[in-house]
Amino acid sequence: MTNHFFDDTHIQWQTLAGFDHLQYSILDIDENNQIVDVLFKFAAQQQIVLHRHKSLNKTFVIQGEHRLYHADGSLKEIRPVGKYTSSQPSDEPHREGGGDVDVVVFFSIRGGDGVFYQILDDDLNVVGELGMRDFIDLYKKQMGKTS
């Protein structure tokens, strides 16, 4: 079997202040249906900020291993290339990251009560939130629009 490597050189990756080991590229936003389609890239052998998914997330692993970690940092699950997952909103906090190489994962974030993600500190206190309006603003910035 031939191994293939996803060529992401034409993707304009963005960073988000305060979110180490994470890059993103928003592909599309359907405001009427509350859907955001985005590529996330998590750094190899790293974990991103502790968070909760407060809306439905459908994911597809494009490159690498998508690793999920419990709040204490222990490994919870490994999703290989080609793995499709539909995850309901959950109060369970977790971190995500890449395996031996940076992982690229397609996320389709669906609806919710306005909050897609709660960002947590190590004591599980909510220190921030990301919702539809935040993604719209990030998309405008990504596309070079200011209004």
C-alpha atoms as a PDB file:
ATOM      1  CA  MET A   1       0.000   0.000   0.000  1.00  0.00           C
ATOM      2  CA  THR A   2       1.304   3.441  -0.904  1.00  0.00           C
ATOM      3  CA  ASN A   3       1.425   6.047   1.853  1.00  0.00           C
ATOM      4  CA  HIS A   4       0.213   9.514   0.922  1.00  0.00           C
ATOM      5  CA  PHE A   5       0.955  12.796   2.626  1.00  0.00           C
ATOM      6  CA  PHE A   6      -1.550  15.646   2.553  1.00  0.00           C
ATOM      7  CA  ASP A   7      -0.011  18.708   0.869  1.00  0.00           C
ATOM      8  CA  ASP A   8      -1.232  21.734   2.799  1.00  0.00           C
ATOM      9  CA  THR A   9       1.179  24.262   1.284  1.00  0.00           C
ATOM     10  CA  HIS A  10      -1.669  26.149  -0.430  1.00  0.00           C
ATOM     11  CA  ILE A  11      -3.719  26.501   2.739  1.00  0.00           C
ATOM     12  CA  GLN A  12      -3.387  29.887   4.399  1.00  0.00           C
ATOM     13  CA  TRP A  13      -3.090  28.773   8.000  1.00  0.00           C
ATOM     14  CA  GLN A  14      -4.089  31.249  10.688  1.00  0.00           C
ATOM     15  CA  THR A  15      -3.130  31.387  14.359  1.00  0.00           C
ATOM     16  CA  LEU A  16      -5.154  32.474  17.349  1.00  0.00           C
ATOM     17  CA  ALA A  17      -3.466  34.399  20.160  1.00  0.00           C
ATOM     18  CA  GLY A  18      -3.258  32.328  23.328  1.00  0.00           C
ATOM     19  CA  PHE A  19      -3.851  29.026  21.522  1.00  0.00           C
ATOM     20  CA  ASP A  20      -0.478  27.337  21.284  1.00  0.00           C
ATOM     21  CA  HIS A  21       0.059  24.350  18.984  1.00  0.00           C
ATOM     22  CA  LEU A  22      -3.042  25.145  16.893  1.00  0.00           C
ATOM     23  CA  GLN A  23      -3.558  26.585  13.432  1.00  0.00           C
ATOM     24  CA  TYR A  24      -6.822  26.915  11.549  1.00  0.00           C
ATOM     25  CA  SER A  25      -8.279  27.733   8.154  1.00  0.00           C
ATOM     26  CA  ILE A  26     -11.992  28.475   7.991  1.00  0.00           C
ATOM     27  CA  LEU A  27     -13.441  27.006   4.794  1.00  0.00           C
ATOM     28  CA  ASP A  28     -17.058  28.138   4.973  1.00  0.00           C
ATOM     29  CA  ILE A  29     -19.665  29.612   7.288  1.00  0.00           C
ATOM     30  CA  ASP A  30     -23.391  28.998   6.905  1.00  0.00           C
ATOM     31  CA  GLU A  31     -24.806  31.567   9.284  1.00  0.00           C
ATOM     32  CA  ASN A  32     -28.466  30.641   8.680  1.00  0.00           C
ATOM     33  CA  ASN A  33     -27.888  27.004   9.639  1.00  0.00           C
ATOM     34  CA  GLN A  34     -25.212  27.768  12.262  1.00  0.00           C
ATOM     35  CA  ILE A  35     -22.520  25.652  10.557  1.00  0.00           C
ATOM     36  CA  VAL A  36     -18.797  26.387  10.456  1.00  0.00           C
ATOM     37  CA  ASP A  37     -16.483  24.222   8.361  1.00  0.00           C
ATOM     38  CA  VAL A  38     -12.843  24.587   9.364  1.00  0.00           C
ATOM     39  CA  LEU A  39      -9.525  22.805   9.109  1.00  0.00           C
ATOM     40  CA  PHE A  40      -7.569  22.568  12.335  1.00  0.00           C
ATOM     41  CA  LYS A  41      -3.898  21.654  12.465  1.00  0.00           C
ATOM     42  CA  PHE A  42      -2.579  20.481  15.845  1.00  0.00           C
ATOM     43  CA  ALA A  43       1.174  20.280  16.368  1.00  0.00           C
ATOM     44  CA  ALA A  44       2.914  16.919  16.601  1.00  0.00           C
ATOM     45  CA  GLN A  45       3.468  15.618  20.140  1.00  0.00           C
ATOM     46  CA  GLN A  46       1.712  18.653  21.670  1.00  0.00           C
ATOM     47  CA  GLN A  47      -1.615  19.348  23.347  1.00  0.00           C
ATOM     48  CA  ILE A  48      -3.820  22.370  22.742  1.00  0.00           C
ATOM     49  CA  VAL A  49      -5.719  24.290  25.412  1.00  0.00           C
ATOM     50  CA  LEU A  50      -8.205  22.492  27.650  1.00  0.00           C
ATOM     51  CA  HIS A  51     -11.748  22.952  26.337  1.00  0.00           C
ATOM     52  CA  ARG A  52     -15.284  21.598  26.012  1.00  0.00           C
ATOM     53  CA  HIS A  53     -17.314  21.124  22.830  1.00  0.00           C
ATOM     54  CA  LYS A  54     -20.711  22.760  23.391  1.00  0.00           C
ATOM     55  CA  SER A  55     -22.109  21.969  19.950  1.00  0.00           C
ATOM     56  CA  LEU A  56     -22.191  19.038  17.551  1.00  0.00           C
ATOM     57  CA  ASN A  57     -18.774  18.450  15.928  1.00  0.00           C
ATOM     58  CA  LYS A  58     -18.326  16.219  12.886  1.00  0.00           C
ATOM     59  CA  THR A  59     -14.666  15.486  12.170  1.00  0.00           C
ATOM     60  CA  PHE A  60     -12.593  13.763   9.515  1.00  0.00           C
ATOM     61  CA  VAL A  61      -8.869  13.111   9.988  1.00  0.00           C
ATOM     62  CA  ILE A  62      -6.961  14.123   6.847  1.00  0.00           C
ATOM     63  CA  GLN A  63      -3.337  13.736   7.997  1.00  0.00           C
ATOM     64  CA  GLY A  64      -1.620  12.191  11.012  1.00  0.00           C
ATOM     65  CA  GLU A  65      -3.169  10.915  14.218  1.00  0.00           C
ATOM     66  CA  HIS A  66      -5.805  12.990  15.982  1.00  0.00           C
ATOM     67  CA  ARG A  67      -5.097  12.442  19.654  1.00  0.00           C
ATOM     68  CA  LEU A  68      -7.577  13.299  22.397  1.00  0.00           C
ATOM     69  CA  TYR A  69      -6.503  13.664  26.016  1.00  0.00           C
ATOM     70  CA  HIS A  70      -8.350  13.714  29.336  1.00  0.00           C
ATOM     71  CA  ALA A  71      -8.179  16.906  31.404  1.00  0.00           C
ATOM     72  CA  ASP A  72      -5.283  15.396  33.393  1.00  0.00           C
ATOM     73  CA  GLY A  73      -3.256  14.991  30.185  1.00  0.00           C
ATOM     74  CA  SER A  74      -3.571  11.222  29.883  1.00  0.00           C
ATOM     75  CA  LEU A  75      -4.332   9.804  26.441  1.00  0.00           C
ATOM     76  CA  LYS A  76      -8.026   9.143  25.855  1.00  0.00           C
ATOM     77  CA  GLU A  77      -8.283   8.185  22.172  1.00  0.00           C
ATOM     78  CA  ILE A  78      -6.320   8.052  18.923  1.00  0.00           C
ATOM     79  CA  ARG A  79      -8.147   8.692  15.643  1.00  0.00           C
ATOM     80  CA  PRO A  80      -6.198   7.601  12.531  1.00  0.00           C
ATOM     81  CA  VAL A  81      -6.262   9.086   9.040  1.00  0.00           C
ATOM     82  CA  GLY A  82      -9.661   8.519   7.450  1.00  0.00           C
ATOM     83  CA  LYS A  83     -11.549   8.352  10.752  1.00  0.00           C
ATOM     84  CA  TYR A  84     -14.921  10.138  10.669  1.00  0.00           C
ATOM     85  CA  THR A  85     -16.532  11.012  13.996  1.00  0.00           C
ATOM     86  CA  SER A  86     -19.769  12.699  14.996  1.00  0.00           C
ATOM     87  CA  SER A  87     -19.508  14.013  18.571  1.00  0.00           C
ATOM     88  CA  GLN A  88     -22.437  15.407  20.496  1.00  0.00           C
ATOM     89  CA  PRO A  89     -22.012  18.423  22.803  1.00  0.00           C
ATOM     90  CA  SER A  90     -20.347  17.400  26.055  1.00  0.00           C
ATOM     91  CA  ASP A  91     -19.387  18.845  29.419  1.00  0.00           C
ATOM     92  CA  GLU A  92     -16.318  16.582  29.482  1.00  0.00           C
ATOM     93  CA  PRO A  93     -13.178  18.717  29.175  1.00  0.00           C
ATOM     94  CA  HIS A  94     -10.343  17.505  26.974  1.00  0.00           C
ATOM     95  CA  ARG A  95      -7.281  18.508  24.982  1.00  0.00           C
ATOM     96  CA  GLU A  96      -6.360  17.547  21.448  1.00  0.00           C
ATOM     97  CA  GLY A  97      -3.095  17.181  19.588  1.00  0.00           C
ATOM     98  CA  GLY A  98      -1.080  15.449  16.911  1.00  0.00           C
ATOM     99  CA  GLY A  99       0.842  12.196  16.958  1.00  0.00           C
ATOM    100  CA  ASP A 100       4.263  11.853  15.350  1.00  0.00           C
ATOM    101  CA  VAL A 101       3.397  14.473  12.704  1.00  0.00           C
ATOM    102  CA  ASP A 102       1.128  17.503  12.742  1.00  0.00           C
ATOM    103  CA  VAL A 103      -2.463  16.357  12.442  1.00  0.00           C
ATOM    104  CA  VAL A 104      -4.926  18.022  10.060  1.00  0.00           C
ATOM    105  CA  VAL A 105      -8.582  17.504  10.891  1.00  0.00           C
ATOM    106  CA  PHE A 106     -11.681  18.767   9.099  1.00  0.00           C
ATOM    107  CA  PHE A 107     -14.292  19.985  11.611  1.00  0.00           C
ATOM    108  CA  SER A 108     -17.896  20.743  10.742  1.00  0.00           C
ATOM    109  CA  ILE A 109     -19.232  22.582  13.791  1.00  0.00           C
ATOM    110  CA  ARG A 110     -23.028  22.503  13.956  1.00  0.00           C
ATOM    111  CA  GLY A 111     -25.388  24.832  15.813  1.00  0.00           C
ATOM    112  CA  GLY A 112     -25.548  24.959  19.544  1.00  0.00           C
ATOM    113  CA  ASP A 113     -26.804  27.703  21.844  1.00  0.00           C
ATOM    114  CA  GLY A 114     -24.356  30.242  20.456  1.00  0.00           C
ATOM    115  CA  VAL A 115     -21.314  28.842  22.244  1.00  0.00           C
ATOM    116  CA  PHE A 116     -19.316  26.291  20.263  1.00  0.00           C
ATOM    117  CA  TYR A 117     -16.357  25.882  22.625  1.00  0.00           C
ATOM    118  CA  GLN A 118     -15.648  26.734  26.259  1.00  0.00           C
ATOM    119  CA  ILE A 119     -11.971  27.387  26.963  1.00  0.00           C
ATOM    120  CA  LEU A 120     -10.859  26.200  30.420  1.00  0.00           C
ATOM    121  CA  ASP A 121      -7.938  26.713  32.755  1.00  0.00           C
ATOM    122  CA  ASP A 122      -6.291  23.768  34.511  1.00  0.00           C
ATOM    123  CA  ASP A 123      -8.777  24.112  37.406  1.00  0.00           C
ATOM    124  CA  LEU A 124     -11.660  23.650  34.915  1.00  0.00           C
ATOM    125  CA  ASN A 125     -12.803  27.275  35.197  1.00  0.00           C
ATOM    126  CA  VAL A 126     -14.239  28.783  32.012  1.00  0.00           C
ATOM    127  CA  VAL A 127     -11.801  31.482  30.874  1.00  0.00           C
ATOM    128  CA  GLY A 128     -13.237  32.078  27.409  1.00  0.00           C
ATOM    129  CA  GLU A 129     -15.739  31.012  24.807  1.00  0.00           C
ATOM    130  CA  LEU A 130     -15.820  30.740  21.041  1.00  0.00           C
ATOM    131  CA  GLY A 131     -19.098  30.920  19.158  1.00  0.00           C
ATOM    132  CA  MET A 132     -20.578  31.743  15.765  1.00  0.00           C
ATOM    133  CA  ARG A 133     -19.813  35.477  15.994  1.00  0.00           C
ATOM    134  CA  ASP A 134     -16.166  34.747  16.832  1.00  0.00           C
ATOM    135  CA  PHE A 135     -15.800  32.451  13.826  1.00  0.00           C
ATOM    136  CA  ILE A 136     -17.468  35.010  11.541  1.00  0.00           C
ATOM    137  CA  ASP A 137     -15.005  37.656  12.739  1.00  0.00           C
ATOM    138  CA  LEU A 138     -12.047  35.273  12.292  1.00  0.00           C
ATOM    139  CA  TYR A 139     -13.258  34.388   8.790  1.00  0.00           C
ATOM    140  CA  LYS A 140     -13.511  38.051   7.822  1.00  0.00           C
ATOM    141  CA  LYS A 141      -9.997  38.628   9.116  1.00  0.00           C
ATOM    142  CA  GLN A 142      -8.746  35.548   7.254  1.00  0.00           C
ATOM    143  CA  MET A 143     -10.332  36.831   4.028  1.00  0.00           C
ATOM    144  CA  GLY A 144      -8.826  40.296   4.551  1.00  0.00           C
ATOM    145  CA  LYS A 145     -12.143  41.994   5.291  1.00  0.00           C
ATOM    146  CA  THR A 146     -12.476  44.423   8.160  1.00  0.00           C
ATOM    147  CA  SER A 147     -16.221  45.071   8.185  1.00  0.00           C
END
